[in-house]
Protein backbone atom coordinates (compact mmCIF):
# COMPACT_ATOMS: atom_id res chain seq x y z
CA MET A 1 63.72 51.50 15.05
CA THR A 2 66.61 49.22 15.80
CA SER A 3 64.98 47.48 18.72
CA ARG A 4 61.42 47.17 19.84
CA VAL A 5 59.14 45.72 22.46
CA PRO A 6 57.92 42.53 20.83
CA PRO A 7 54.32 41.54 20.36
CA GLN A 8 52.65 38.61 21.92
CA GLY A 9 55.82 37.66 23.42
CA GLY A 10 58.43 39.61 21.94
CA ALA A 11 59.20 37.81 18.71
CA GLU A 12 60.61 39.97 16.02
CA ALA A 13 59.24 39.58 12.52
CA GLN A 14 60.92 36.46 11.15
CA PRO A 15 60.93 34.98 7.65
CA GLU A 16 57.53 33.47 7.13
CA ALA A 17 57.34 29.70 7.38
CA PRO A 18 55.22 27.75 4.92
CA GLU A 19 51.60 27.67 5.95
CA HIS A 20 49.35 24.65 5.72
CA ALA A 21 45.67 24.86 4.92
CA HIS A 22 44.66 23.53 8.35
CA ARG A 23 46.98 25.76 10.36
CA ALA A 24 45.85 29.16 11.63
CA VAL A 25 48.06 32.10 10.71
CA ARG A 26 49.80 33.21 13.90
CA SER A 27 50.62 36.77 14.85
CA TYR A 28 53.93 35.68 16.34
CA VAL A 29 56.84 33.38 15.51
CA LEU A 30 57.92 30.84 18.09
CA ARG A 31 61.65 30.81 18.63
CA GLN A 32 63.85 29.42 21.34
CA GLY A 33 65.27 32.66 22.67
CA ARG A 34 67.86 32.70 25.43
CA VAL A 35 66.53 31.99 28.90
CA SER A 36 68.79 33.38 31.61
CA HIS A 37 69.57 31.34 34.71
CA ALA A 38 67.47 33.72 36.83
CA GLN A 39 64.53 33.47 34.43
CA GLN A 40 64.77 29.67 34.40
CA ARG A 41 64.90 29.50 38.20
CA ALA A 42 61.84 31.73 38.45
CA TYR A 43 60.06 29.72 35.77
CA ASP A 44 60.74 26.39 37.51
CA ALA A 45 59.90 27.62 41.00
CA LEU A 46 56.97 29.97 40.38
CA MET A 47 55.17 28.71 37.29
CA PRO A 48 53.05 26.22 39.27
CA ARG A 49 51.93 29.03 41.61
CA TYR A 50 51.22 31.86 39.20
CA SER A 51 50.35 30.20 35.90
CA LEU A 52 47.04 28.92 34.61
CA PRO A 53 47.12 26.14 32.00
CA TYR A 54 45.46 26.59 28.64
CA ARG A 55 42.30 24.55 28.72
CA PRO A 56 39.22 25.11 26.53
CA GLY A 57 36.39 26.13 28.80
CA ALA A 58 35.46 29.26 30.74
CA LEU A 59 38.23 30.39 33.07
CA ASP A 60 37.19 31.27 36.62
CA LEU A 61 39.48 34.23 37.25
CA THR A 62 37.63 35.12 40.45
CA GLY A 63 38.53 31.71 41.80
CA ALA A 64 42.08 31.91 40.47
CA PHE A 65 42.73 35.19 42.29
CA GLY A 66 40.60 34.37 45.31
CA ARG A 67 38.59 37.59 45.17
CA ARG A 68 36.16 39.64 43.11
CA ALA A 69 37.95 42.48 41.35
CA ALA A 70 38.20 44.21 37.99
CA GLN A 71 39.93 41.81 35.60
CA VAL A 72 42.33 42.99 32.90
CA VAL A 73 44.04 40.87 30.23
CA GLU A 74 47.39 41.87 28.78
CA ILE A 75 48.28 40.25 25.47
CA GLY A 76 51.97 39.84 24.71
CA PHE A 77 53.65 41.27 27.79
CA GLY A 78 57.21 40.86 26.47
CA MET A 79 59.59 40.88 29.44
CA GLY A 80 56.82 41.92 31.81
CA GLU A 81 58.14 45.28 33.10
CA SER A 82 54.98 47.20 32.17
CA THR A 83 52.73 44.41 33.44
CA ALA A 84 54.42 44.39 36.83
CA ALA A 85 54.44 48.19 37.08
CA ILE A 86 50.74 48.46 36.25
CA ALA A 87 49.81 45.65 38.63
CA GLN A 88 51.78 47.30 41.43
CA ALA A 89 50.13 50.67 40.75
CA ARG A 90 46.63 49.17 40.55
CA PRO A 91 46.39 46.66 43.43
CA GLU A 92 42.59 46.83 43.30
CA ALA A 93 42.56 45.07 39.89
CA ASP A 94 43.69 41.61 38.78
CA PHE A 95 45.82 41.06 35.67
CA LEU A 96 46.08 38.02 33.42
CA GLY A 97 49.15 38.16 31.19
CA ILE A 98 49.21 36.05 28.03
CA GLU A 99 52.61 35.29 26.51
CA VAL A 100 54.10 32.52 24.42
CA HIS A 101 57.84 33.04 24.96
CA THR A 102 59.55 31.43 27.94
CA PRO A 103 62.18 34.16 28.59
CA GLY A 104 59.42 36.76 29.01
CA VAL A 105 57.36 34.46 31.23
CA GLY A 106 60.39 33.78 33.41
CA ALA A 107 61.19 37.49 33.58
CA LEU A 108 57.66 38.41 34.72
CA LEU A 109 57.62 35.61 37.28
CA LYS A 110 60.87 37.01 38.69
CA LEU A 111 59.30 40.47 38.96
CA ILE A 112 56.16 39.04 40.61
CA ASP A 113 58.37 37.42 43.25
CA GLN A 114 60.61 40.44 43.78
CA GLN A 115 57.72 42.88 44.10
CA GLY A 116 55.43 40.59 46.07
CA LEU A 117 52.61 40.93 43.54
CA THR A 118 49.50 38.90 44.26
CA ASN A 119 47.32 40.24 41.43
CA VAL A 120 49.07 38.74 38.39
CA ARG A 121 48.57 35.36 36.73
CA ILE A 122 50.02 34.05 33.47
CA VAL A 123 48.82 31.82 30.65
CA GLN A 124 51.62 30.71 28.35
CA HIS A 125 49.71 30.07 25.16
CA ASP A 126 48.44 31.68 21.97
CA ALA A 127 46.44 34.76 22.92
CA VAL A 128 43.73 34.33 20.28
CA GLU A 129 42.97 30.82 21.52
CA VAL A 130 42.97 31.92 25.16
CA MET A 131 40.61 34.80 24.42
CA ARG A 132 38.37 32.60 22.29
CA ASP A 133 38.30 29.48 24.46
CA MET A 134 38.87 30.61 28.06
CA ILE A 135 37.71 34.19 28.62
CA PRO A 136 33.95 34.45 29.23
CA ALA A 137 31.94 36.96 27.23
CA ASP A 138 31.14 40.31 28.86
CA SER A 139 33.61 39.74 31.69
CA LEU A 140 36.72 41.94 31.36
CA ALA A 141 37.30 45.46 32.65
CA GLY A 142 40.12 45.96 30.17
CA ILE A 143 42.45 44.53 27.52
CA HIS A 144 46.01 45.83 27.09
CA ILE A 145 47.98 45.27 23.88
CA PHE A 146 51.19 47.26 24.05
CA PHE A 147 53.49 47.40 21.00
CA PRO A 148 52.23 44.37 19.06
CA ASP A 149 54.35 43.35 16.10
CA PRO A 150 53.42 45.59 13.15
CA TRP A 151 54.46 43.01 10.57
CA PRO A 152 55.31 45.94 8.27
CA LYS A 153 55.77 44.02 5.01
CA LEU A 154 52.58 43.82 2.99
CA ARG A 155 52.85 40.06 2.54
CA HIS A 156 52.94 39.68 6.35
CA HIS A 157 49.88 41.83 7.11
CA LYS A 158 47.79 38.68 7.49
CA ARG A 159 49.87 37.94 10.60
CA ARG A 160 48.86 41.12 12.37
CA LEU A 161 47.01 40.52 15.61
CA ILE A 162 44.65 43.47 15.22
CA LYS A 163 42.24 42.45 12.48
CA PRO A 164 38.43 42.75 12.27
CA GLU A 165 37.82 39.22 13.52
CA PHE A 166 40.06 39.75 16.54
CA ALA A 167 38.50 43.14 17.28
CA ARG A 168 35.07 41.47 17.40
CA LEU A 169 36.40 38.70 19.68
CA ALA A 170 38.11 41.14 22.04
CA ALA A 171 35.09 43.46 22.19
CA SER A 172 32.82 40.54 23.02
CA ARG A 173 34.98 39.66 26.04
CA LEU A 174 34.71 43.16 27.51
CA ALA A 175 32.01 44.01 29.99
CA PRO A 176 29.93 47.05 28.98
CA GLY A 177 32.13 50.06 29.66
CA GLY A 178 35.28 47.96 29.54
CA TYR A 179 38.17 49.23 27.46
CA ILE A 180 40.73 47.98 24.96
CA HIS A 181 44.01 49.90 24.95
CA VAL A 182 46.51 49.42 22.13
CA ALA A 183 49.82 51.27 21.85
CA THR A 184 52.13 51.16 18.83
CA ASP A 185 55.20 52.98 17.59
CA TRP A 186 54.46 52.30 13.91
CA GLU A 187 52.32 55.05 12.41
CA GLU A 188 51.03 52.93 9.53
CA TYR A 189 49.94 50.23 11.99
CA ALA A 190 48.33 52.91 14.18
CA VAL A 191 46.22 54.02 11.20
CA TRP A 192 45.34 50.37 10.50
CA ILE A 193 44.34 49.72 14.13
CA LEU A 194 42.28 52.90 14.31
CA GLU A 195 40.31 51.88 11.23
CA VAL A 196 39.78 48.31 12.45
CA LEU A 197 38.55 49.37 15.89
CA ARG A 198 36.35 52.13 14.45
CA GLN A 199 34.58 49.56 12.31
CA GLU A 200 33.76 47.30 15.26
CA ALA A 201 30.12 48.00 16.15
CA LEU A 202 30.58 47.07 19.82
CA LEU A 203 33.25 49.72 20.41
CA ASP A 204 33.36 53.51 20.77
CA ASN A 205 36.54 55.57 20.56
CA THR A 206 37.33 57.53 23.72
CA ALA A 207 39.11 60.19 21.64
CA ALA A 208 38.65 61.83 18.26
CA ASP A 209 41.33 59.50 16.93
CA TYR A 210 44.38 58.78 19.14
CA ALA A 211 44.30 59.11 22.91
CA ALA A 212 46.81 60.67 25.28
CA ARG A 213 48.91 58.06 27.08
CA PRO A 214 47.12 57.25 30.35
CA ASP A 215 49.15 57.54 33.55
CA TYR A 216 48.77 53.82 34.17
CA ARG A 217 50.83 52.89 31.09
CA PRO A 218 54.49 53.39 32.03
CA LEU A 219 57.04 54.54 29.48
CA THR A 220 59.42 51.73 28.59
CA LYS A 221 63.16 52.42 28.23
CA PHE A 222 62.82 51.72 24.53
CA GLU A 223 59.92 54.14 24.24
CA GLN A 224 61.77 56.86 26.14
CA ARG A 225 64.73 56.49 23.78
CA GLY A 226 62.44 56.65 20.75
CA LEU A 227 60.73 59.79 22.01
CA ARG A 228 64.09 61.46 22.55
CA LEU A 229 64.90 60.66 18.92
CA GLY A 230 61.61 62.15 17.77
CA HIS A 231 59.80 58.87 17.10
CA GLY A 232 56.05 58.76 17.61
CA VAL A 233 53.93 56.53 19.82
CA TRP A 234 50.19 56.22 19.30
CA ASP A 235 47.72 55.10 22.00
CA LEU A 236 44.23 53.97 21.04
CA ILE A 237 41.57 53.44 23.71
CA PHE A 238 38.10 52.19 22.81
CA ARG A 239 35.26 51.26 25.16
CA ARG A 240 32.60 48.58 24.91
CA ARG A 241 29.18 50.08 24.31
CA SER A 242 26.42 49.54 26.80
CA PRO A 243 23.63 47.18 25.70
CA ASN A 244 21.14 50.02 25.28
CA HIS A 245 23.54 52.23 23.29
CA SER A 246 21.97 53.62 20.16
CA LEU A 247 24.07 53.21 17.03
CA THR A 248 22.67 56.52 15.82
CA ALA A 249 23.43 58.42 19.02
């Protein structure tokens, strides 16, 4: 496809920079990107109100939102349209969006302000580190990962977000019965994700393989165009097993 919803922030696959032995391989590439005047105004005015700083240590989302509610993390919300739409449609739940790119953060902040959303907060930082260092185990009702970068070249596969170690981390942050929902428009990556999530002992597939798109995930303009052109989209929804679940059941 000629354009796509970027992963973890919307970075397209870029030429790989040299890696150093001490540096973790990232699933995104940081780039400047153009920040519009409206995005910058929203960023400057609203970031102090709606953002949470990255800080190693358990994050008190109940305190951050000022209420007890189901808590859902979205990793790589791009320009935030889906995040805002889902938050508006599900006011009973609270949503933490994780994004590294400033234009997308500014865009979501603008939508939060325009729509009067009170159930969205943002952490502008690497999602793996946020999940590892800030999200308590057994706490989340859901994790959304919509259209992560497929890193289609074989030499870039190590940059893919969905790998066995991340699947284990994400599953451990879900409460029993909580779900992880991944959507991708790359069939080869869909097959990869399906295999990775199937191998995670803490997770059960909610479908035989791929799930129907739930009503809560809105179609993006890009996705609608792709579907008109006959392109596929694959949704995968797995749930965290209950503690007394039998592996042989």
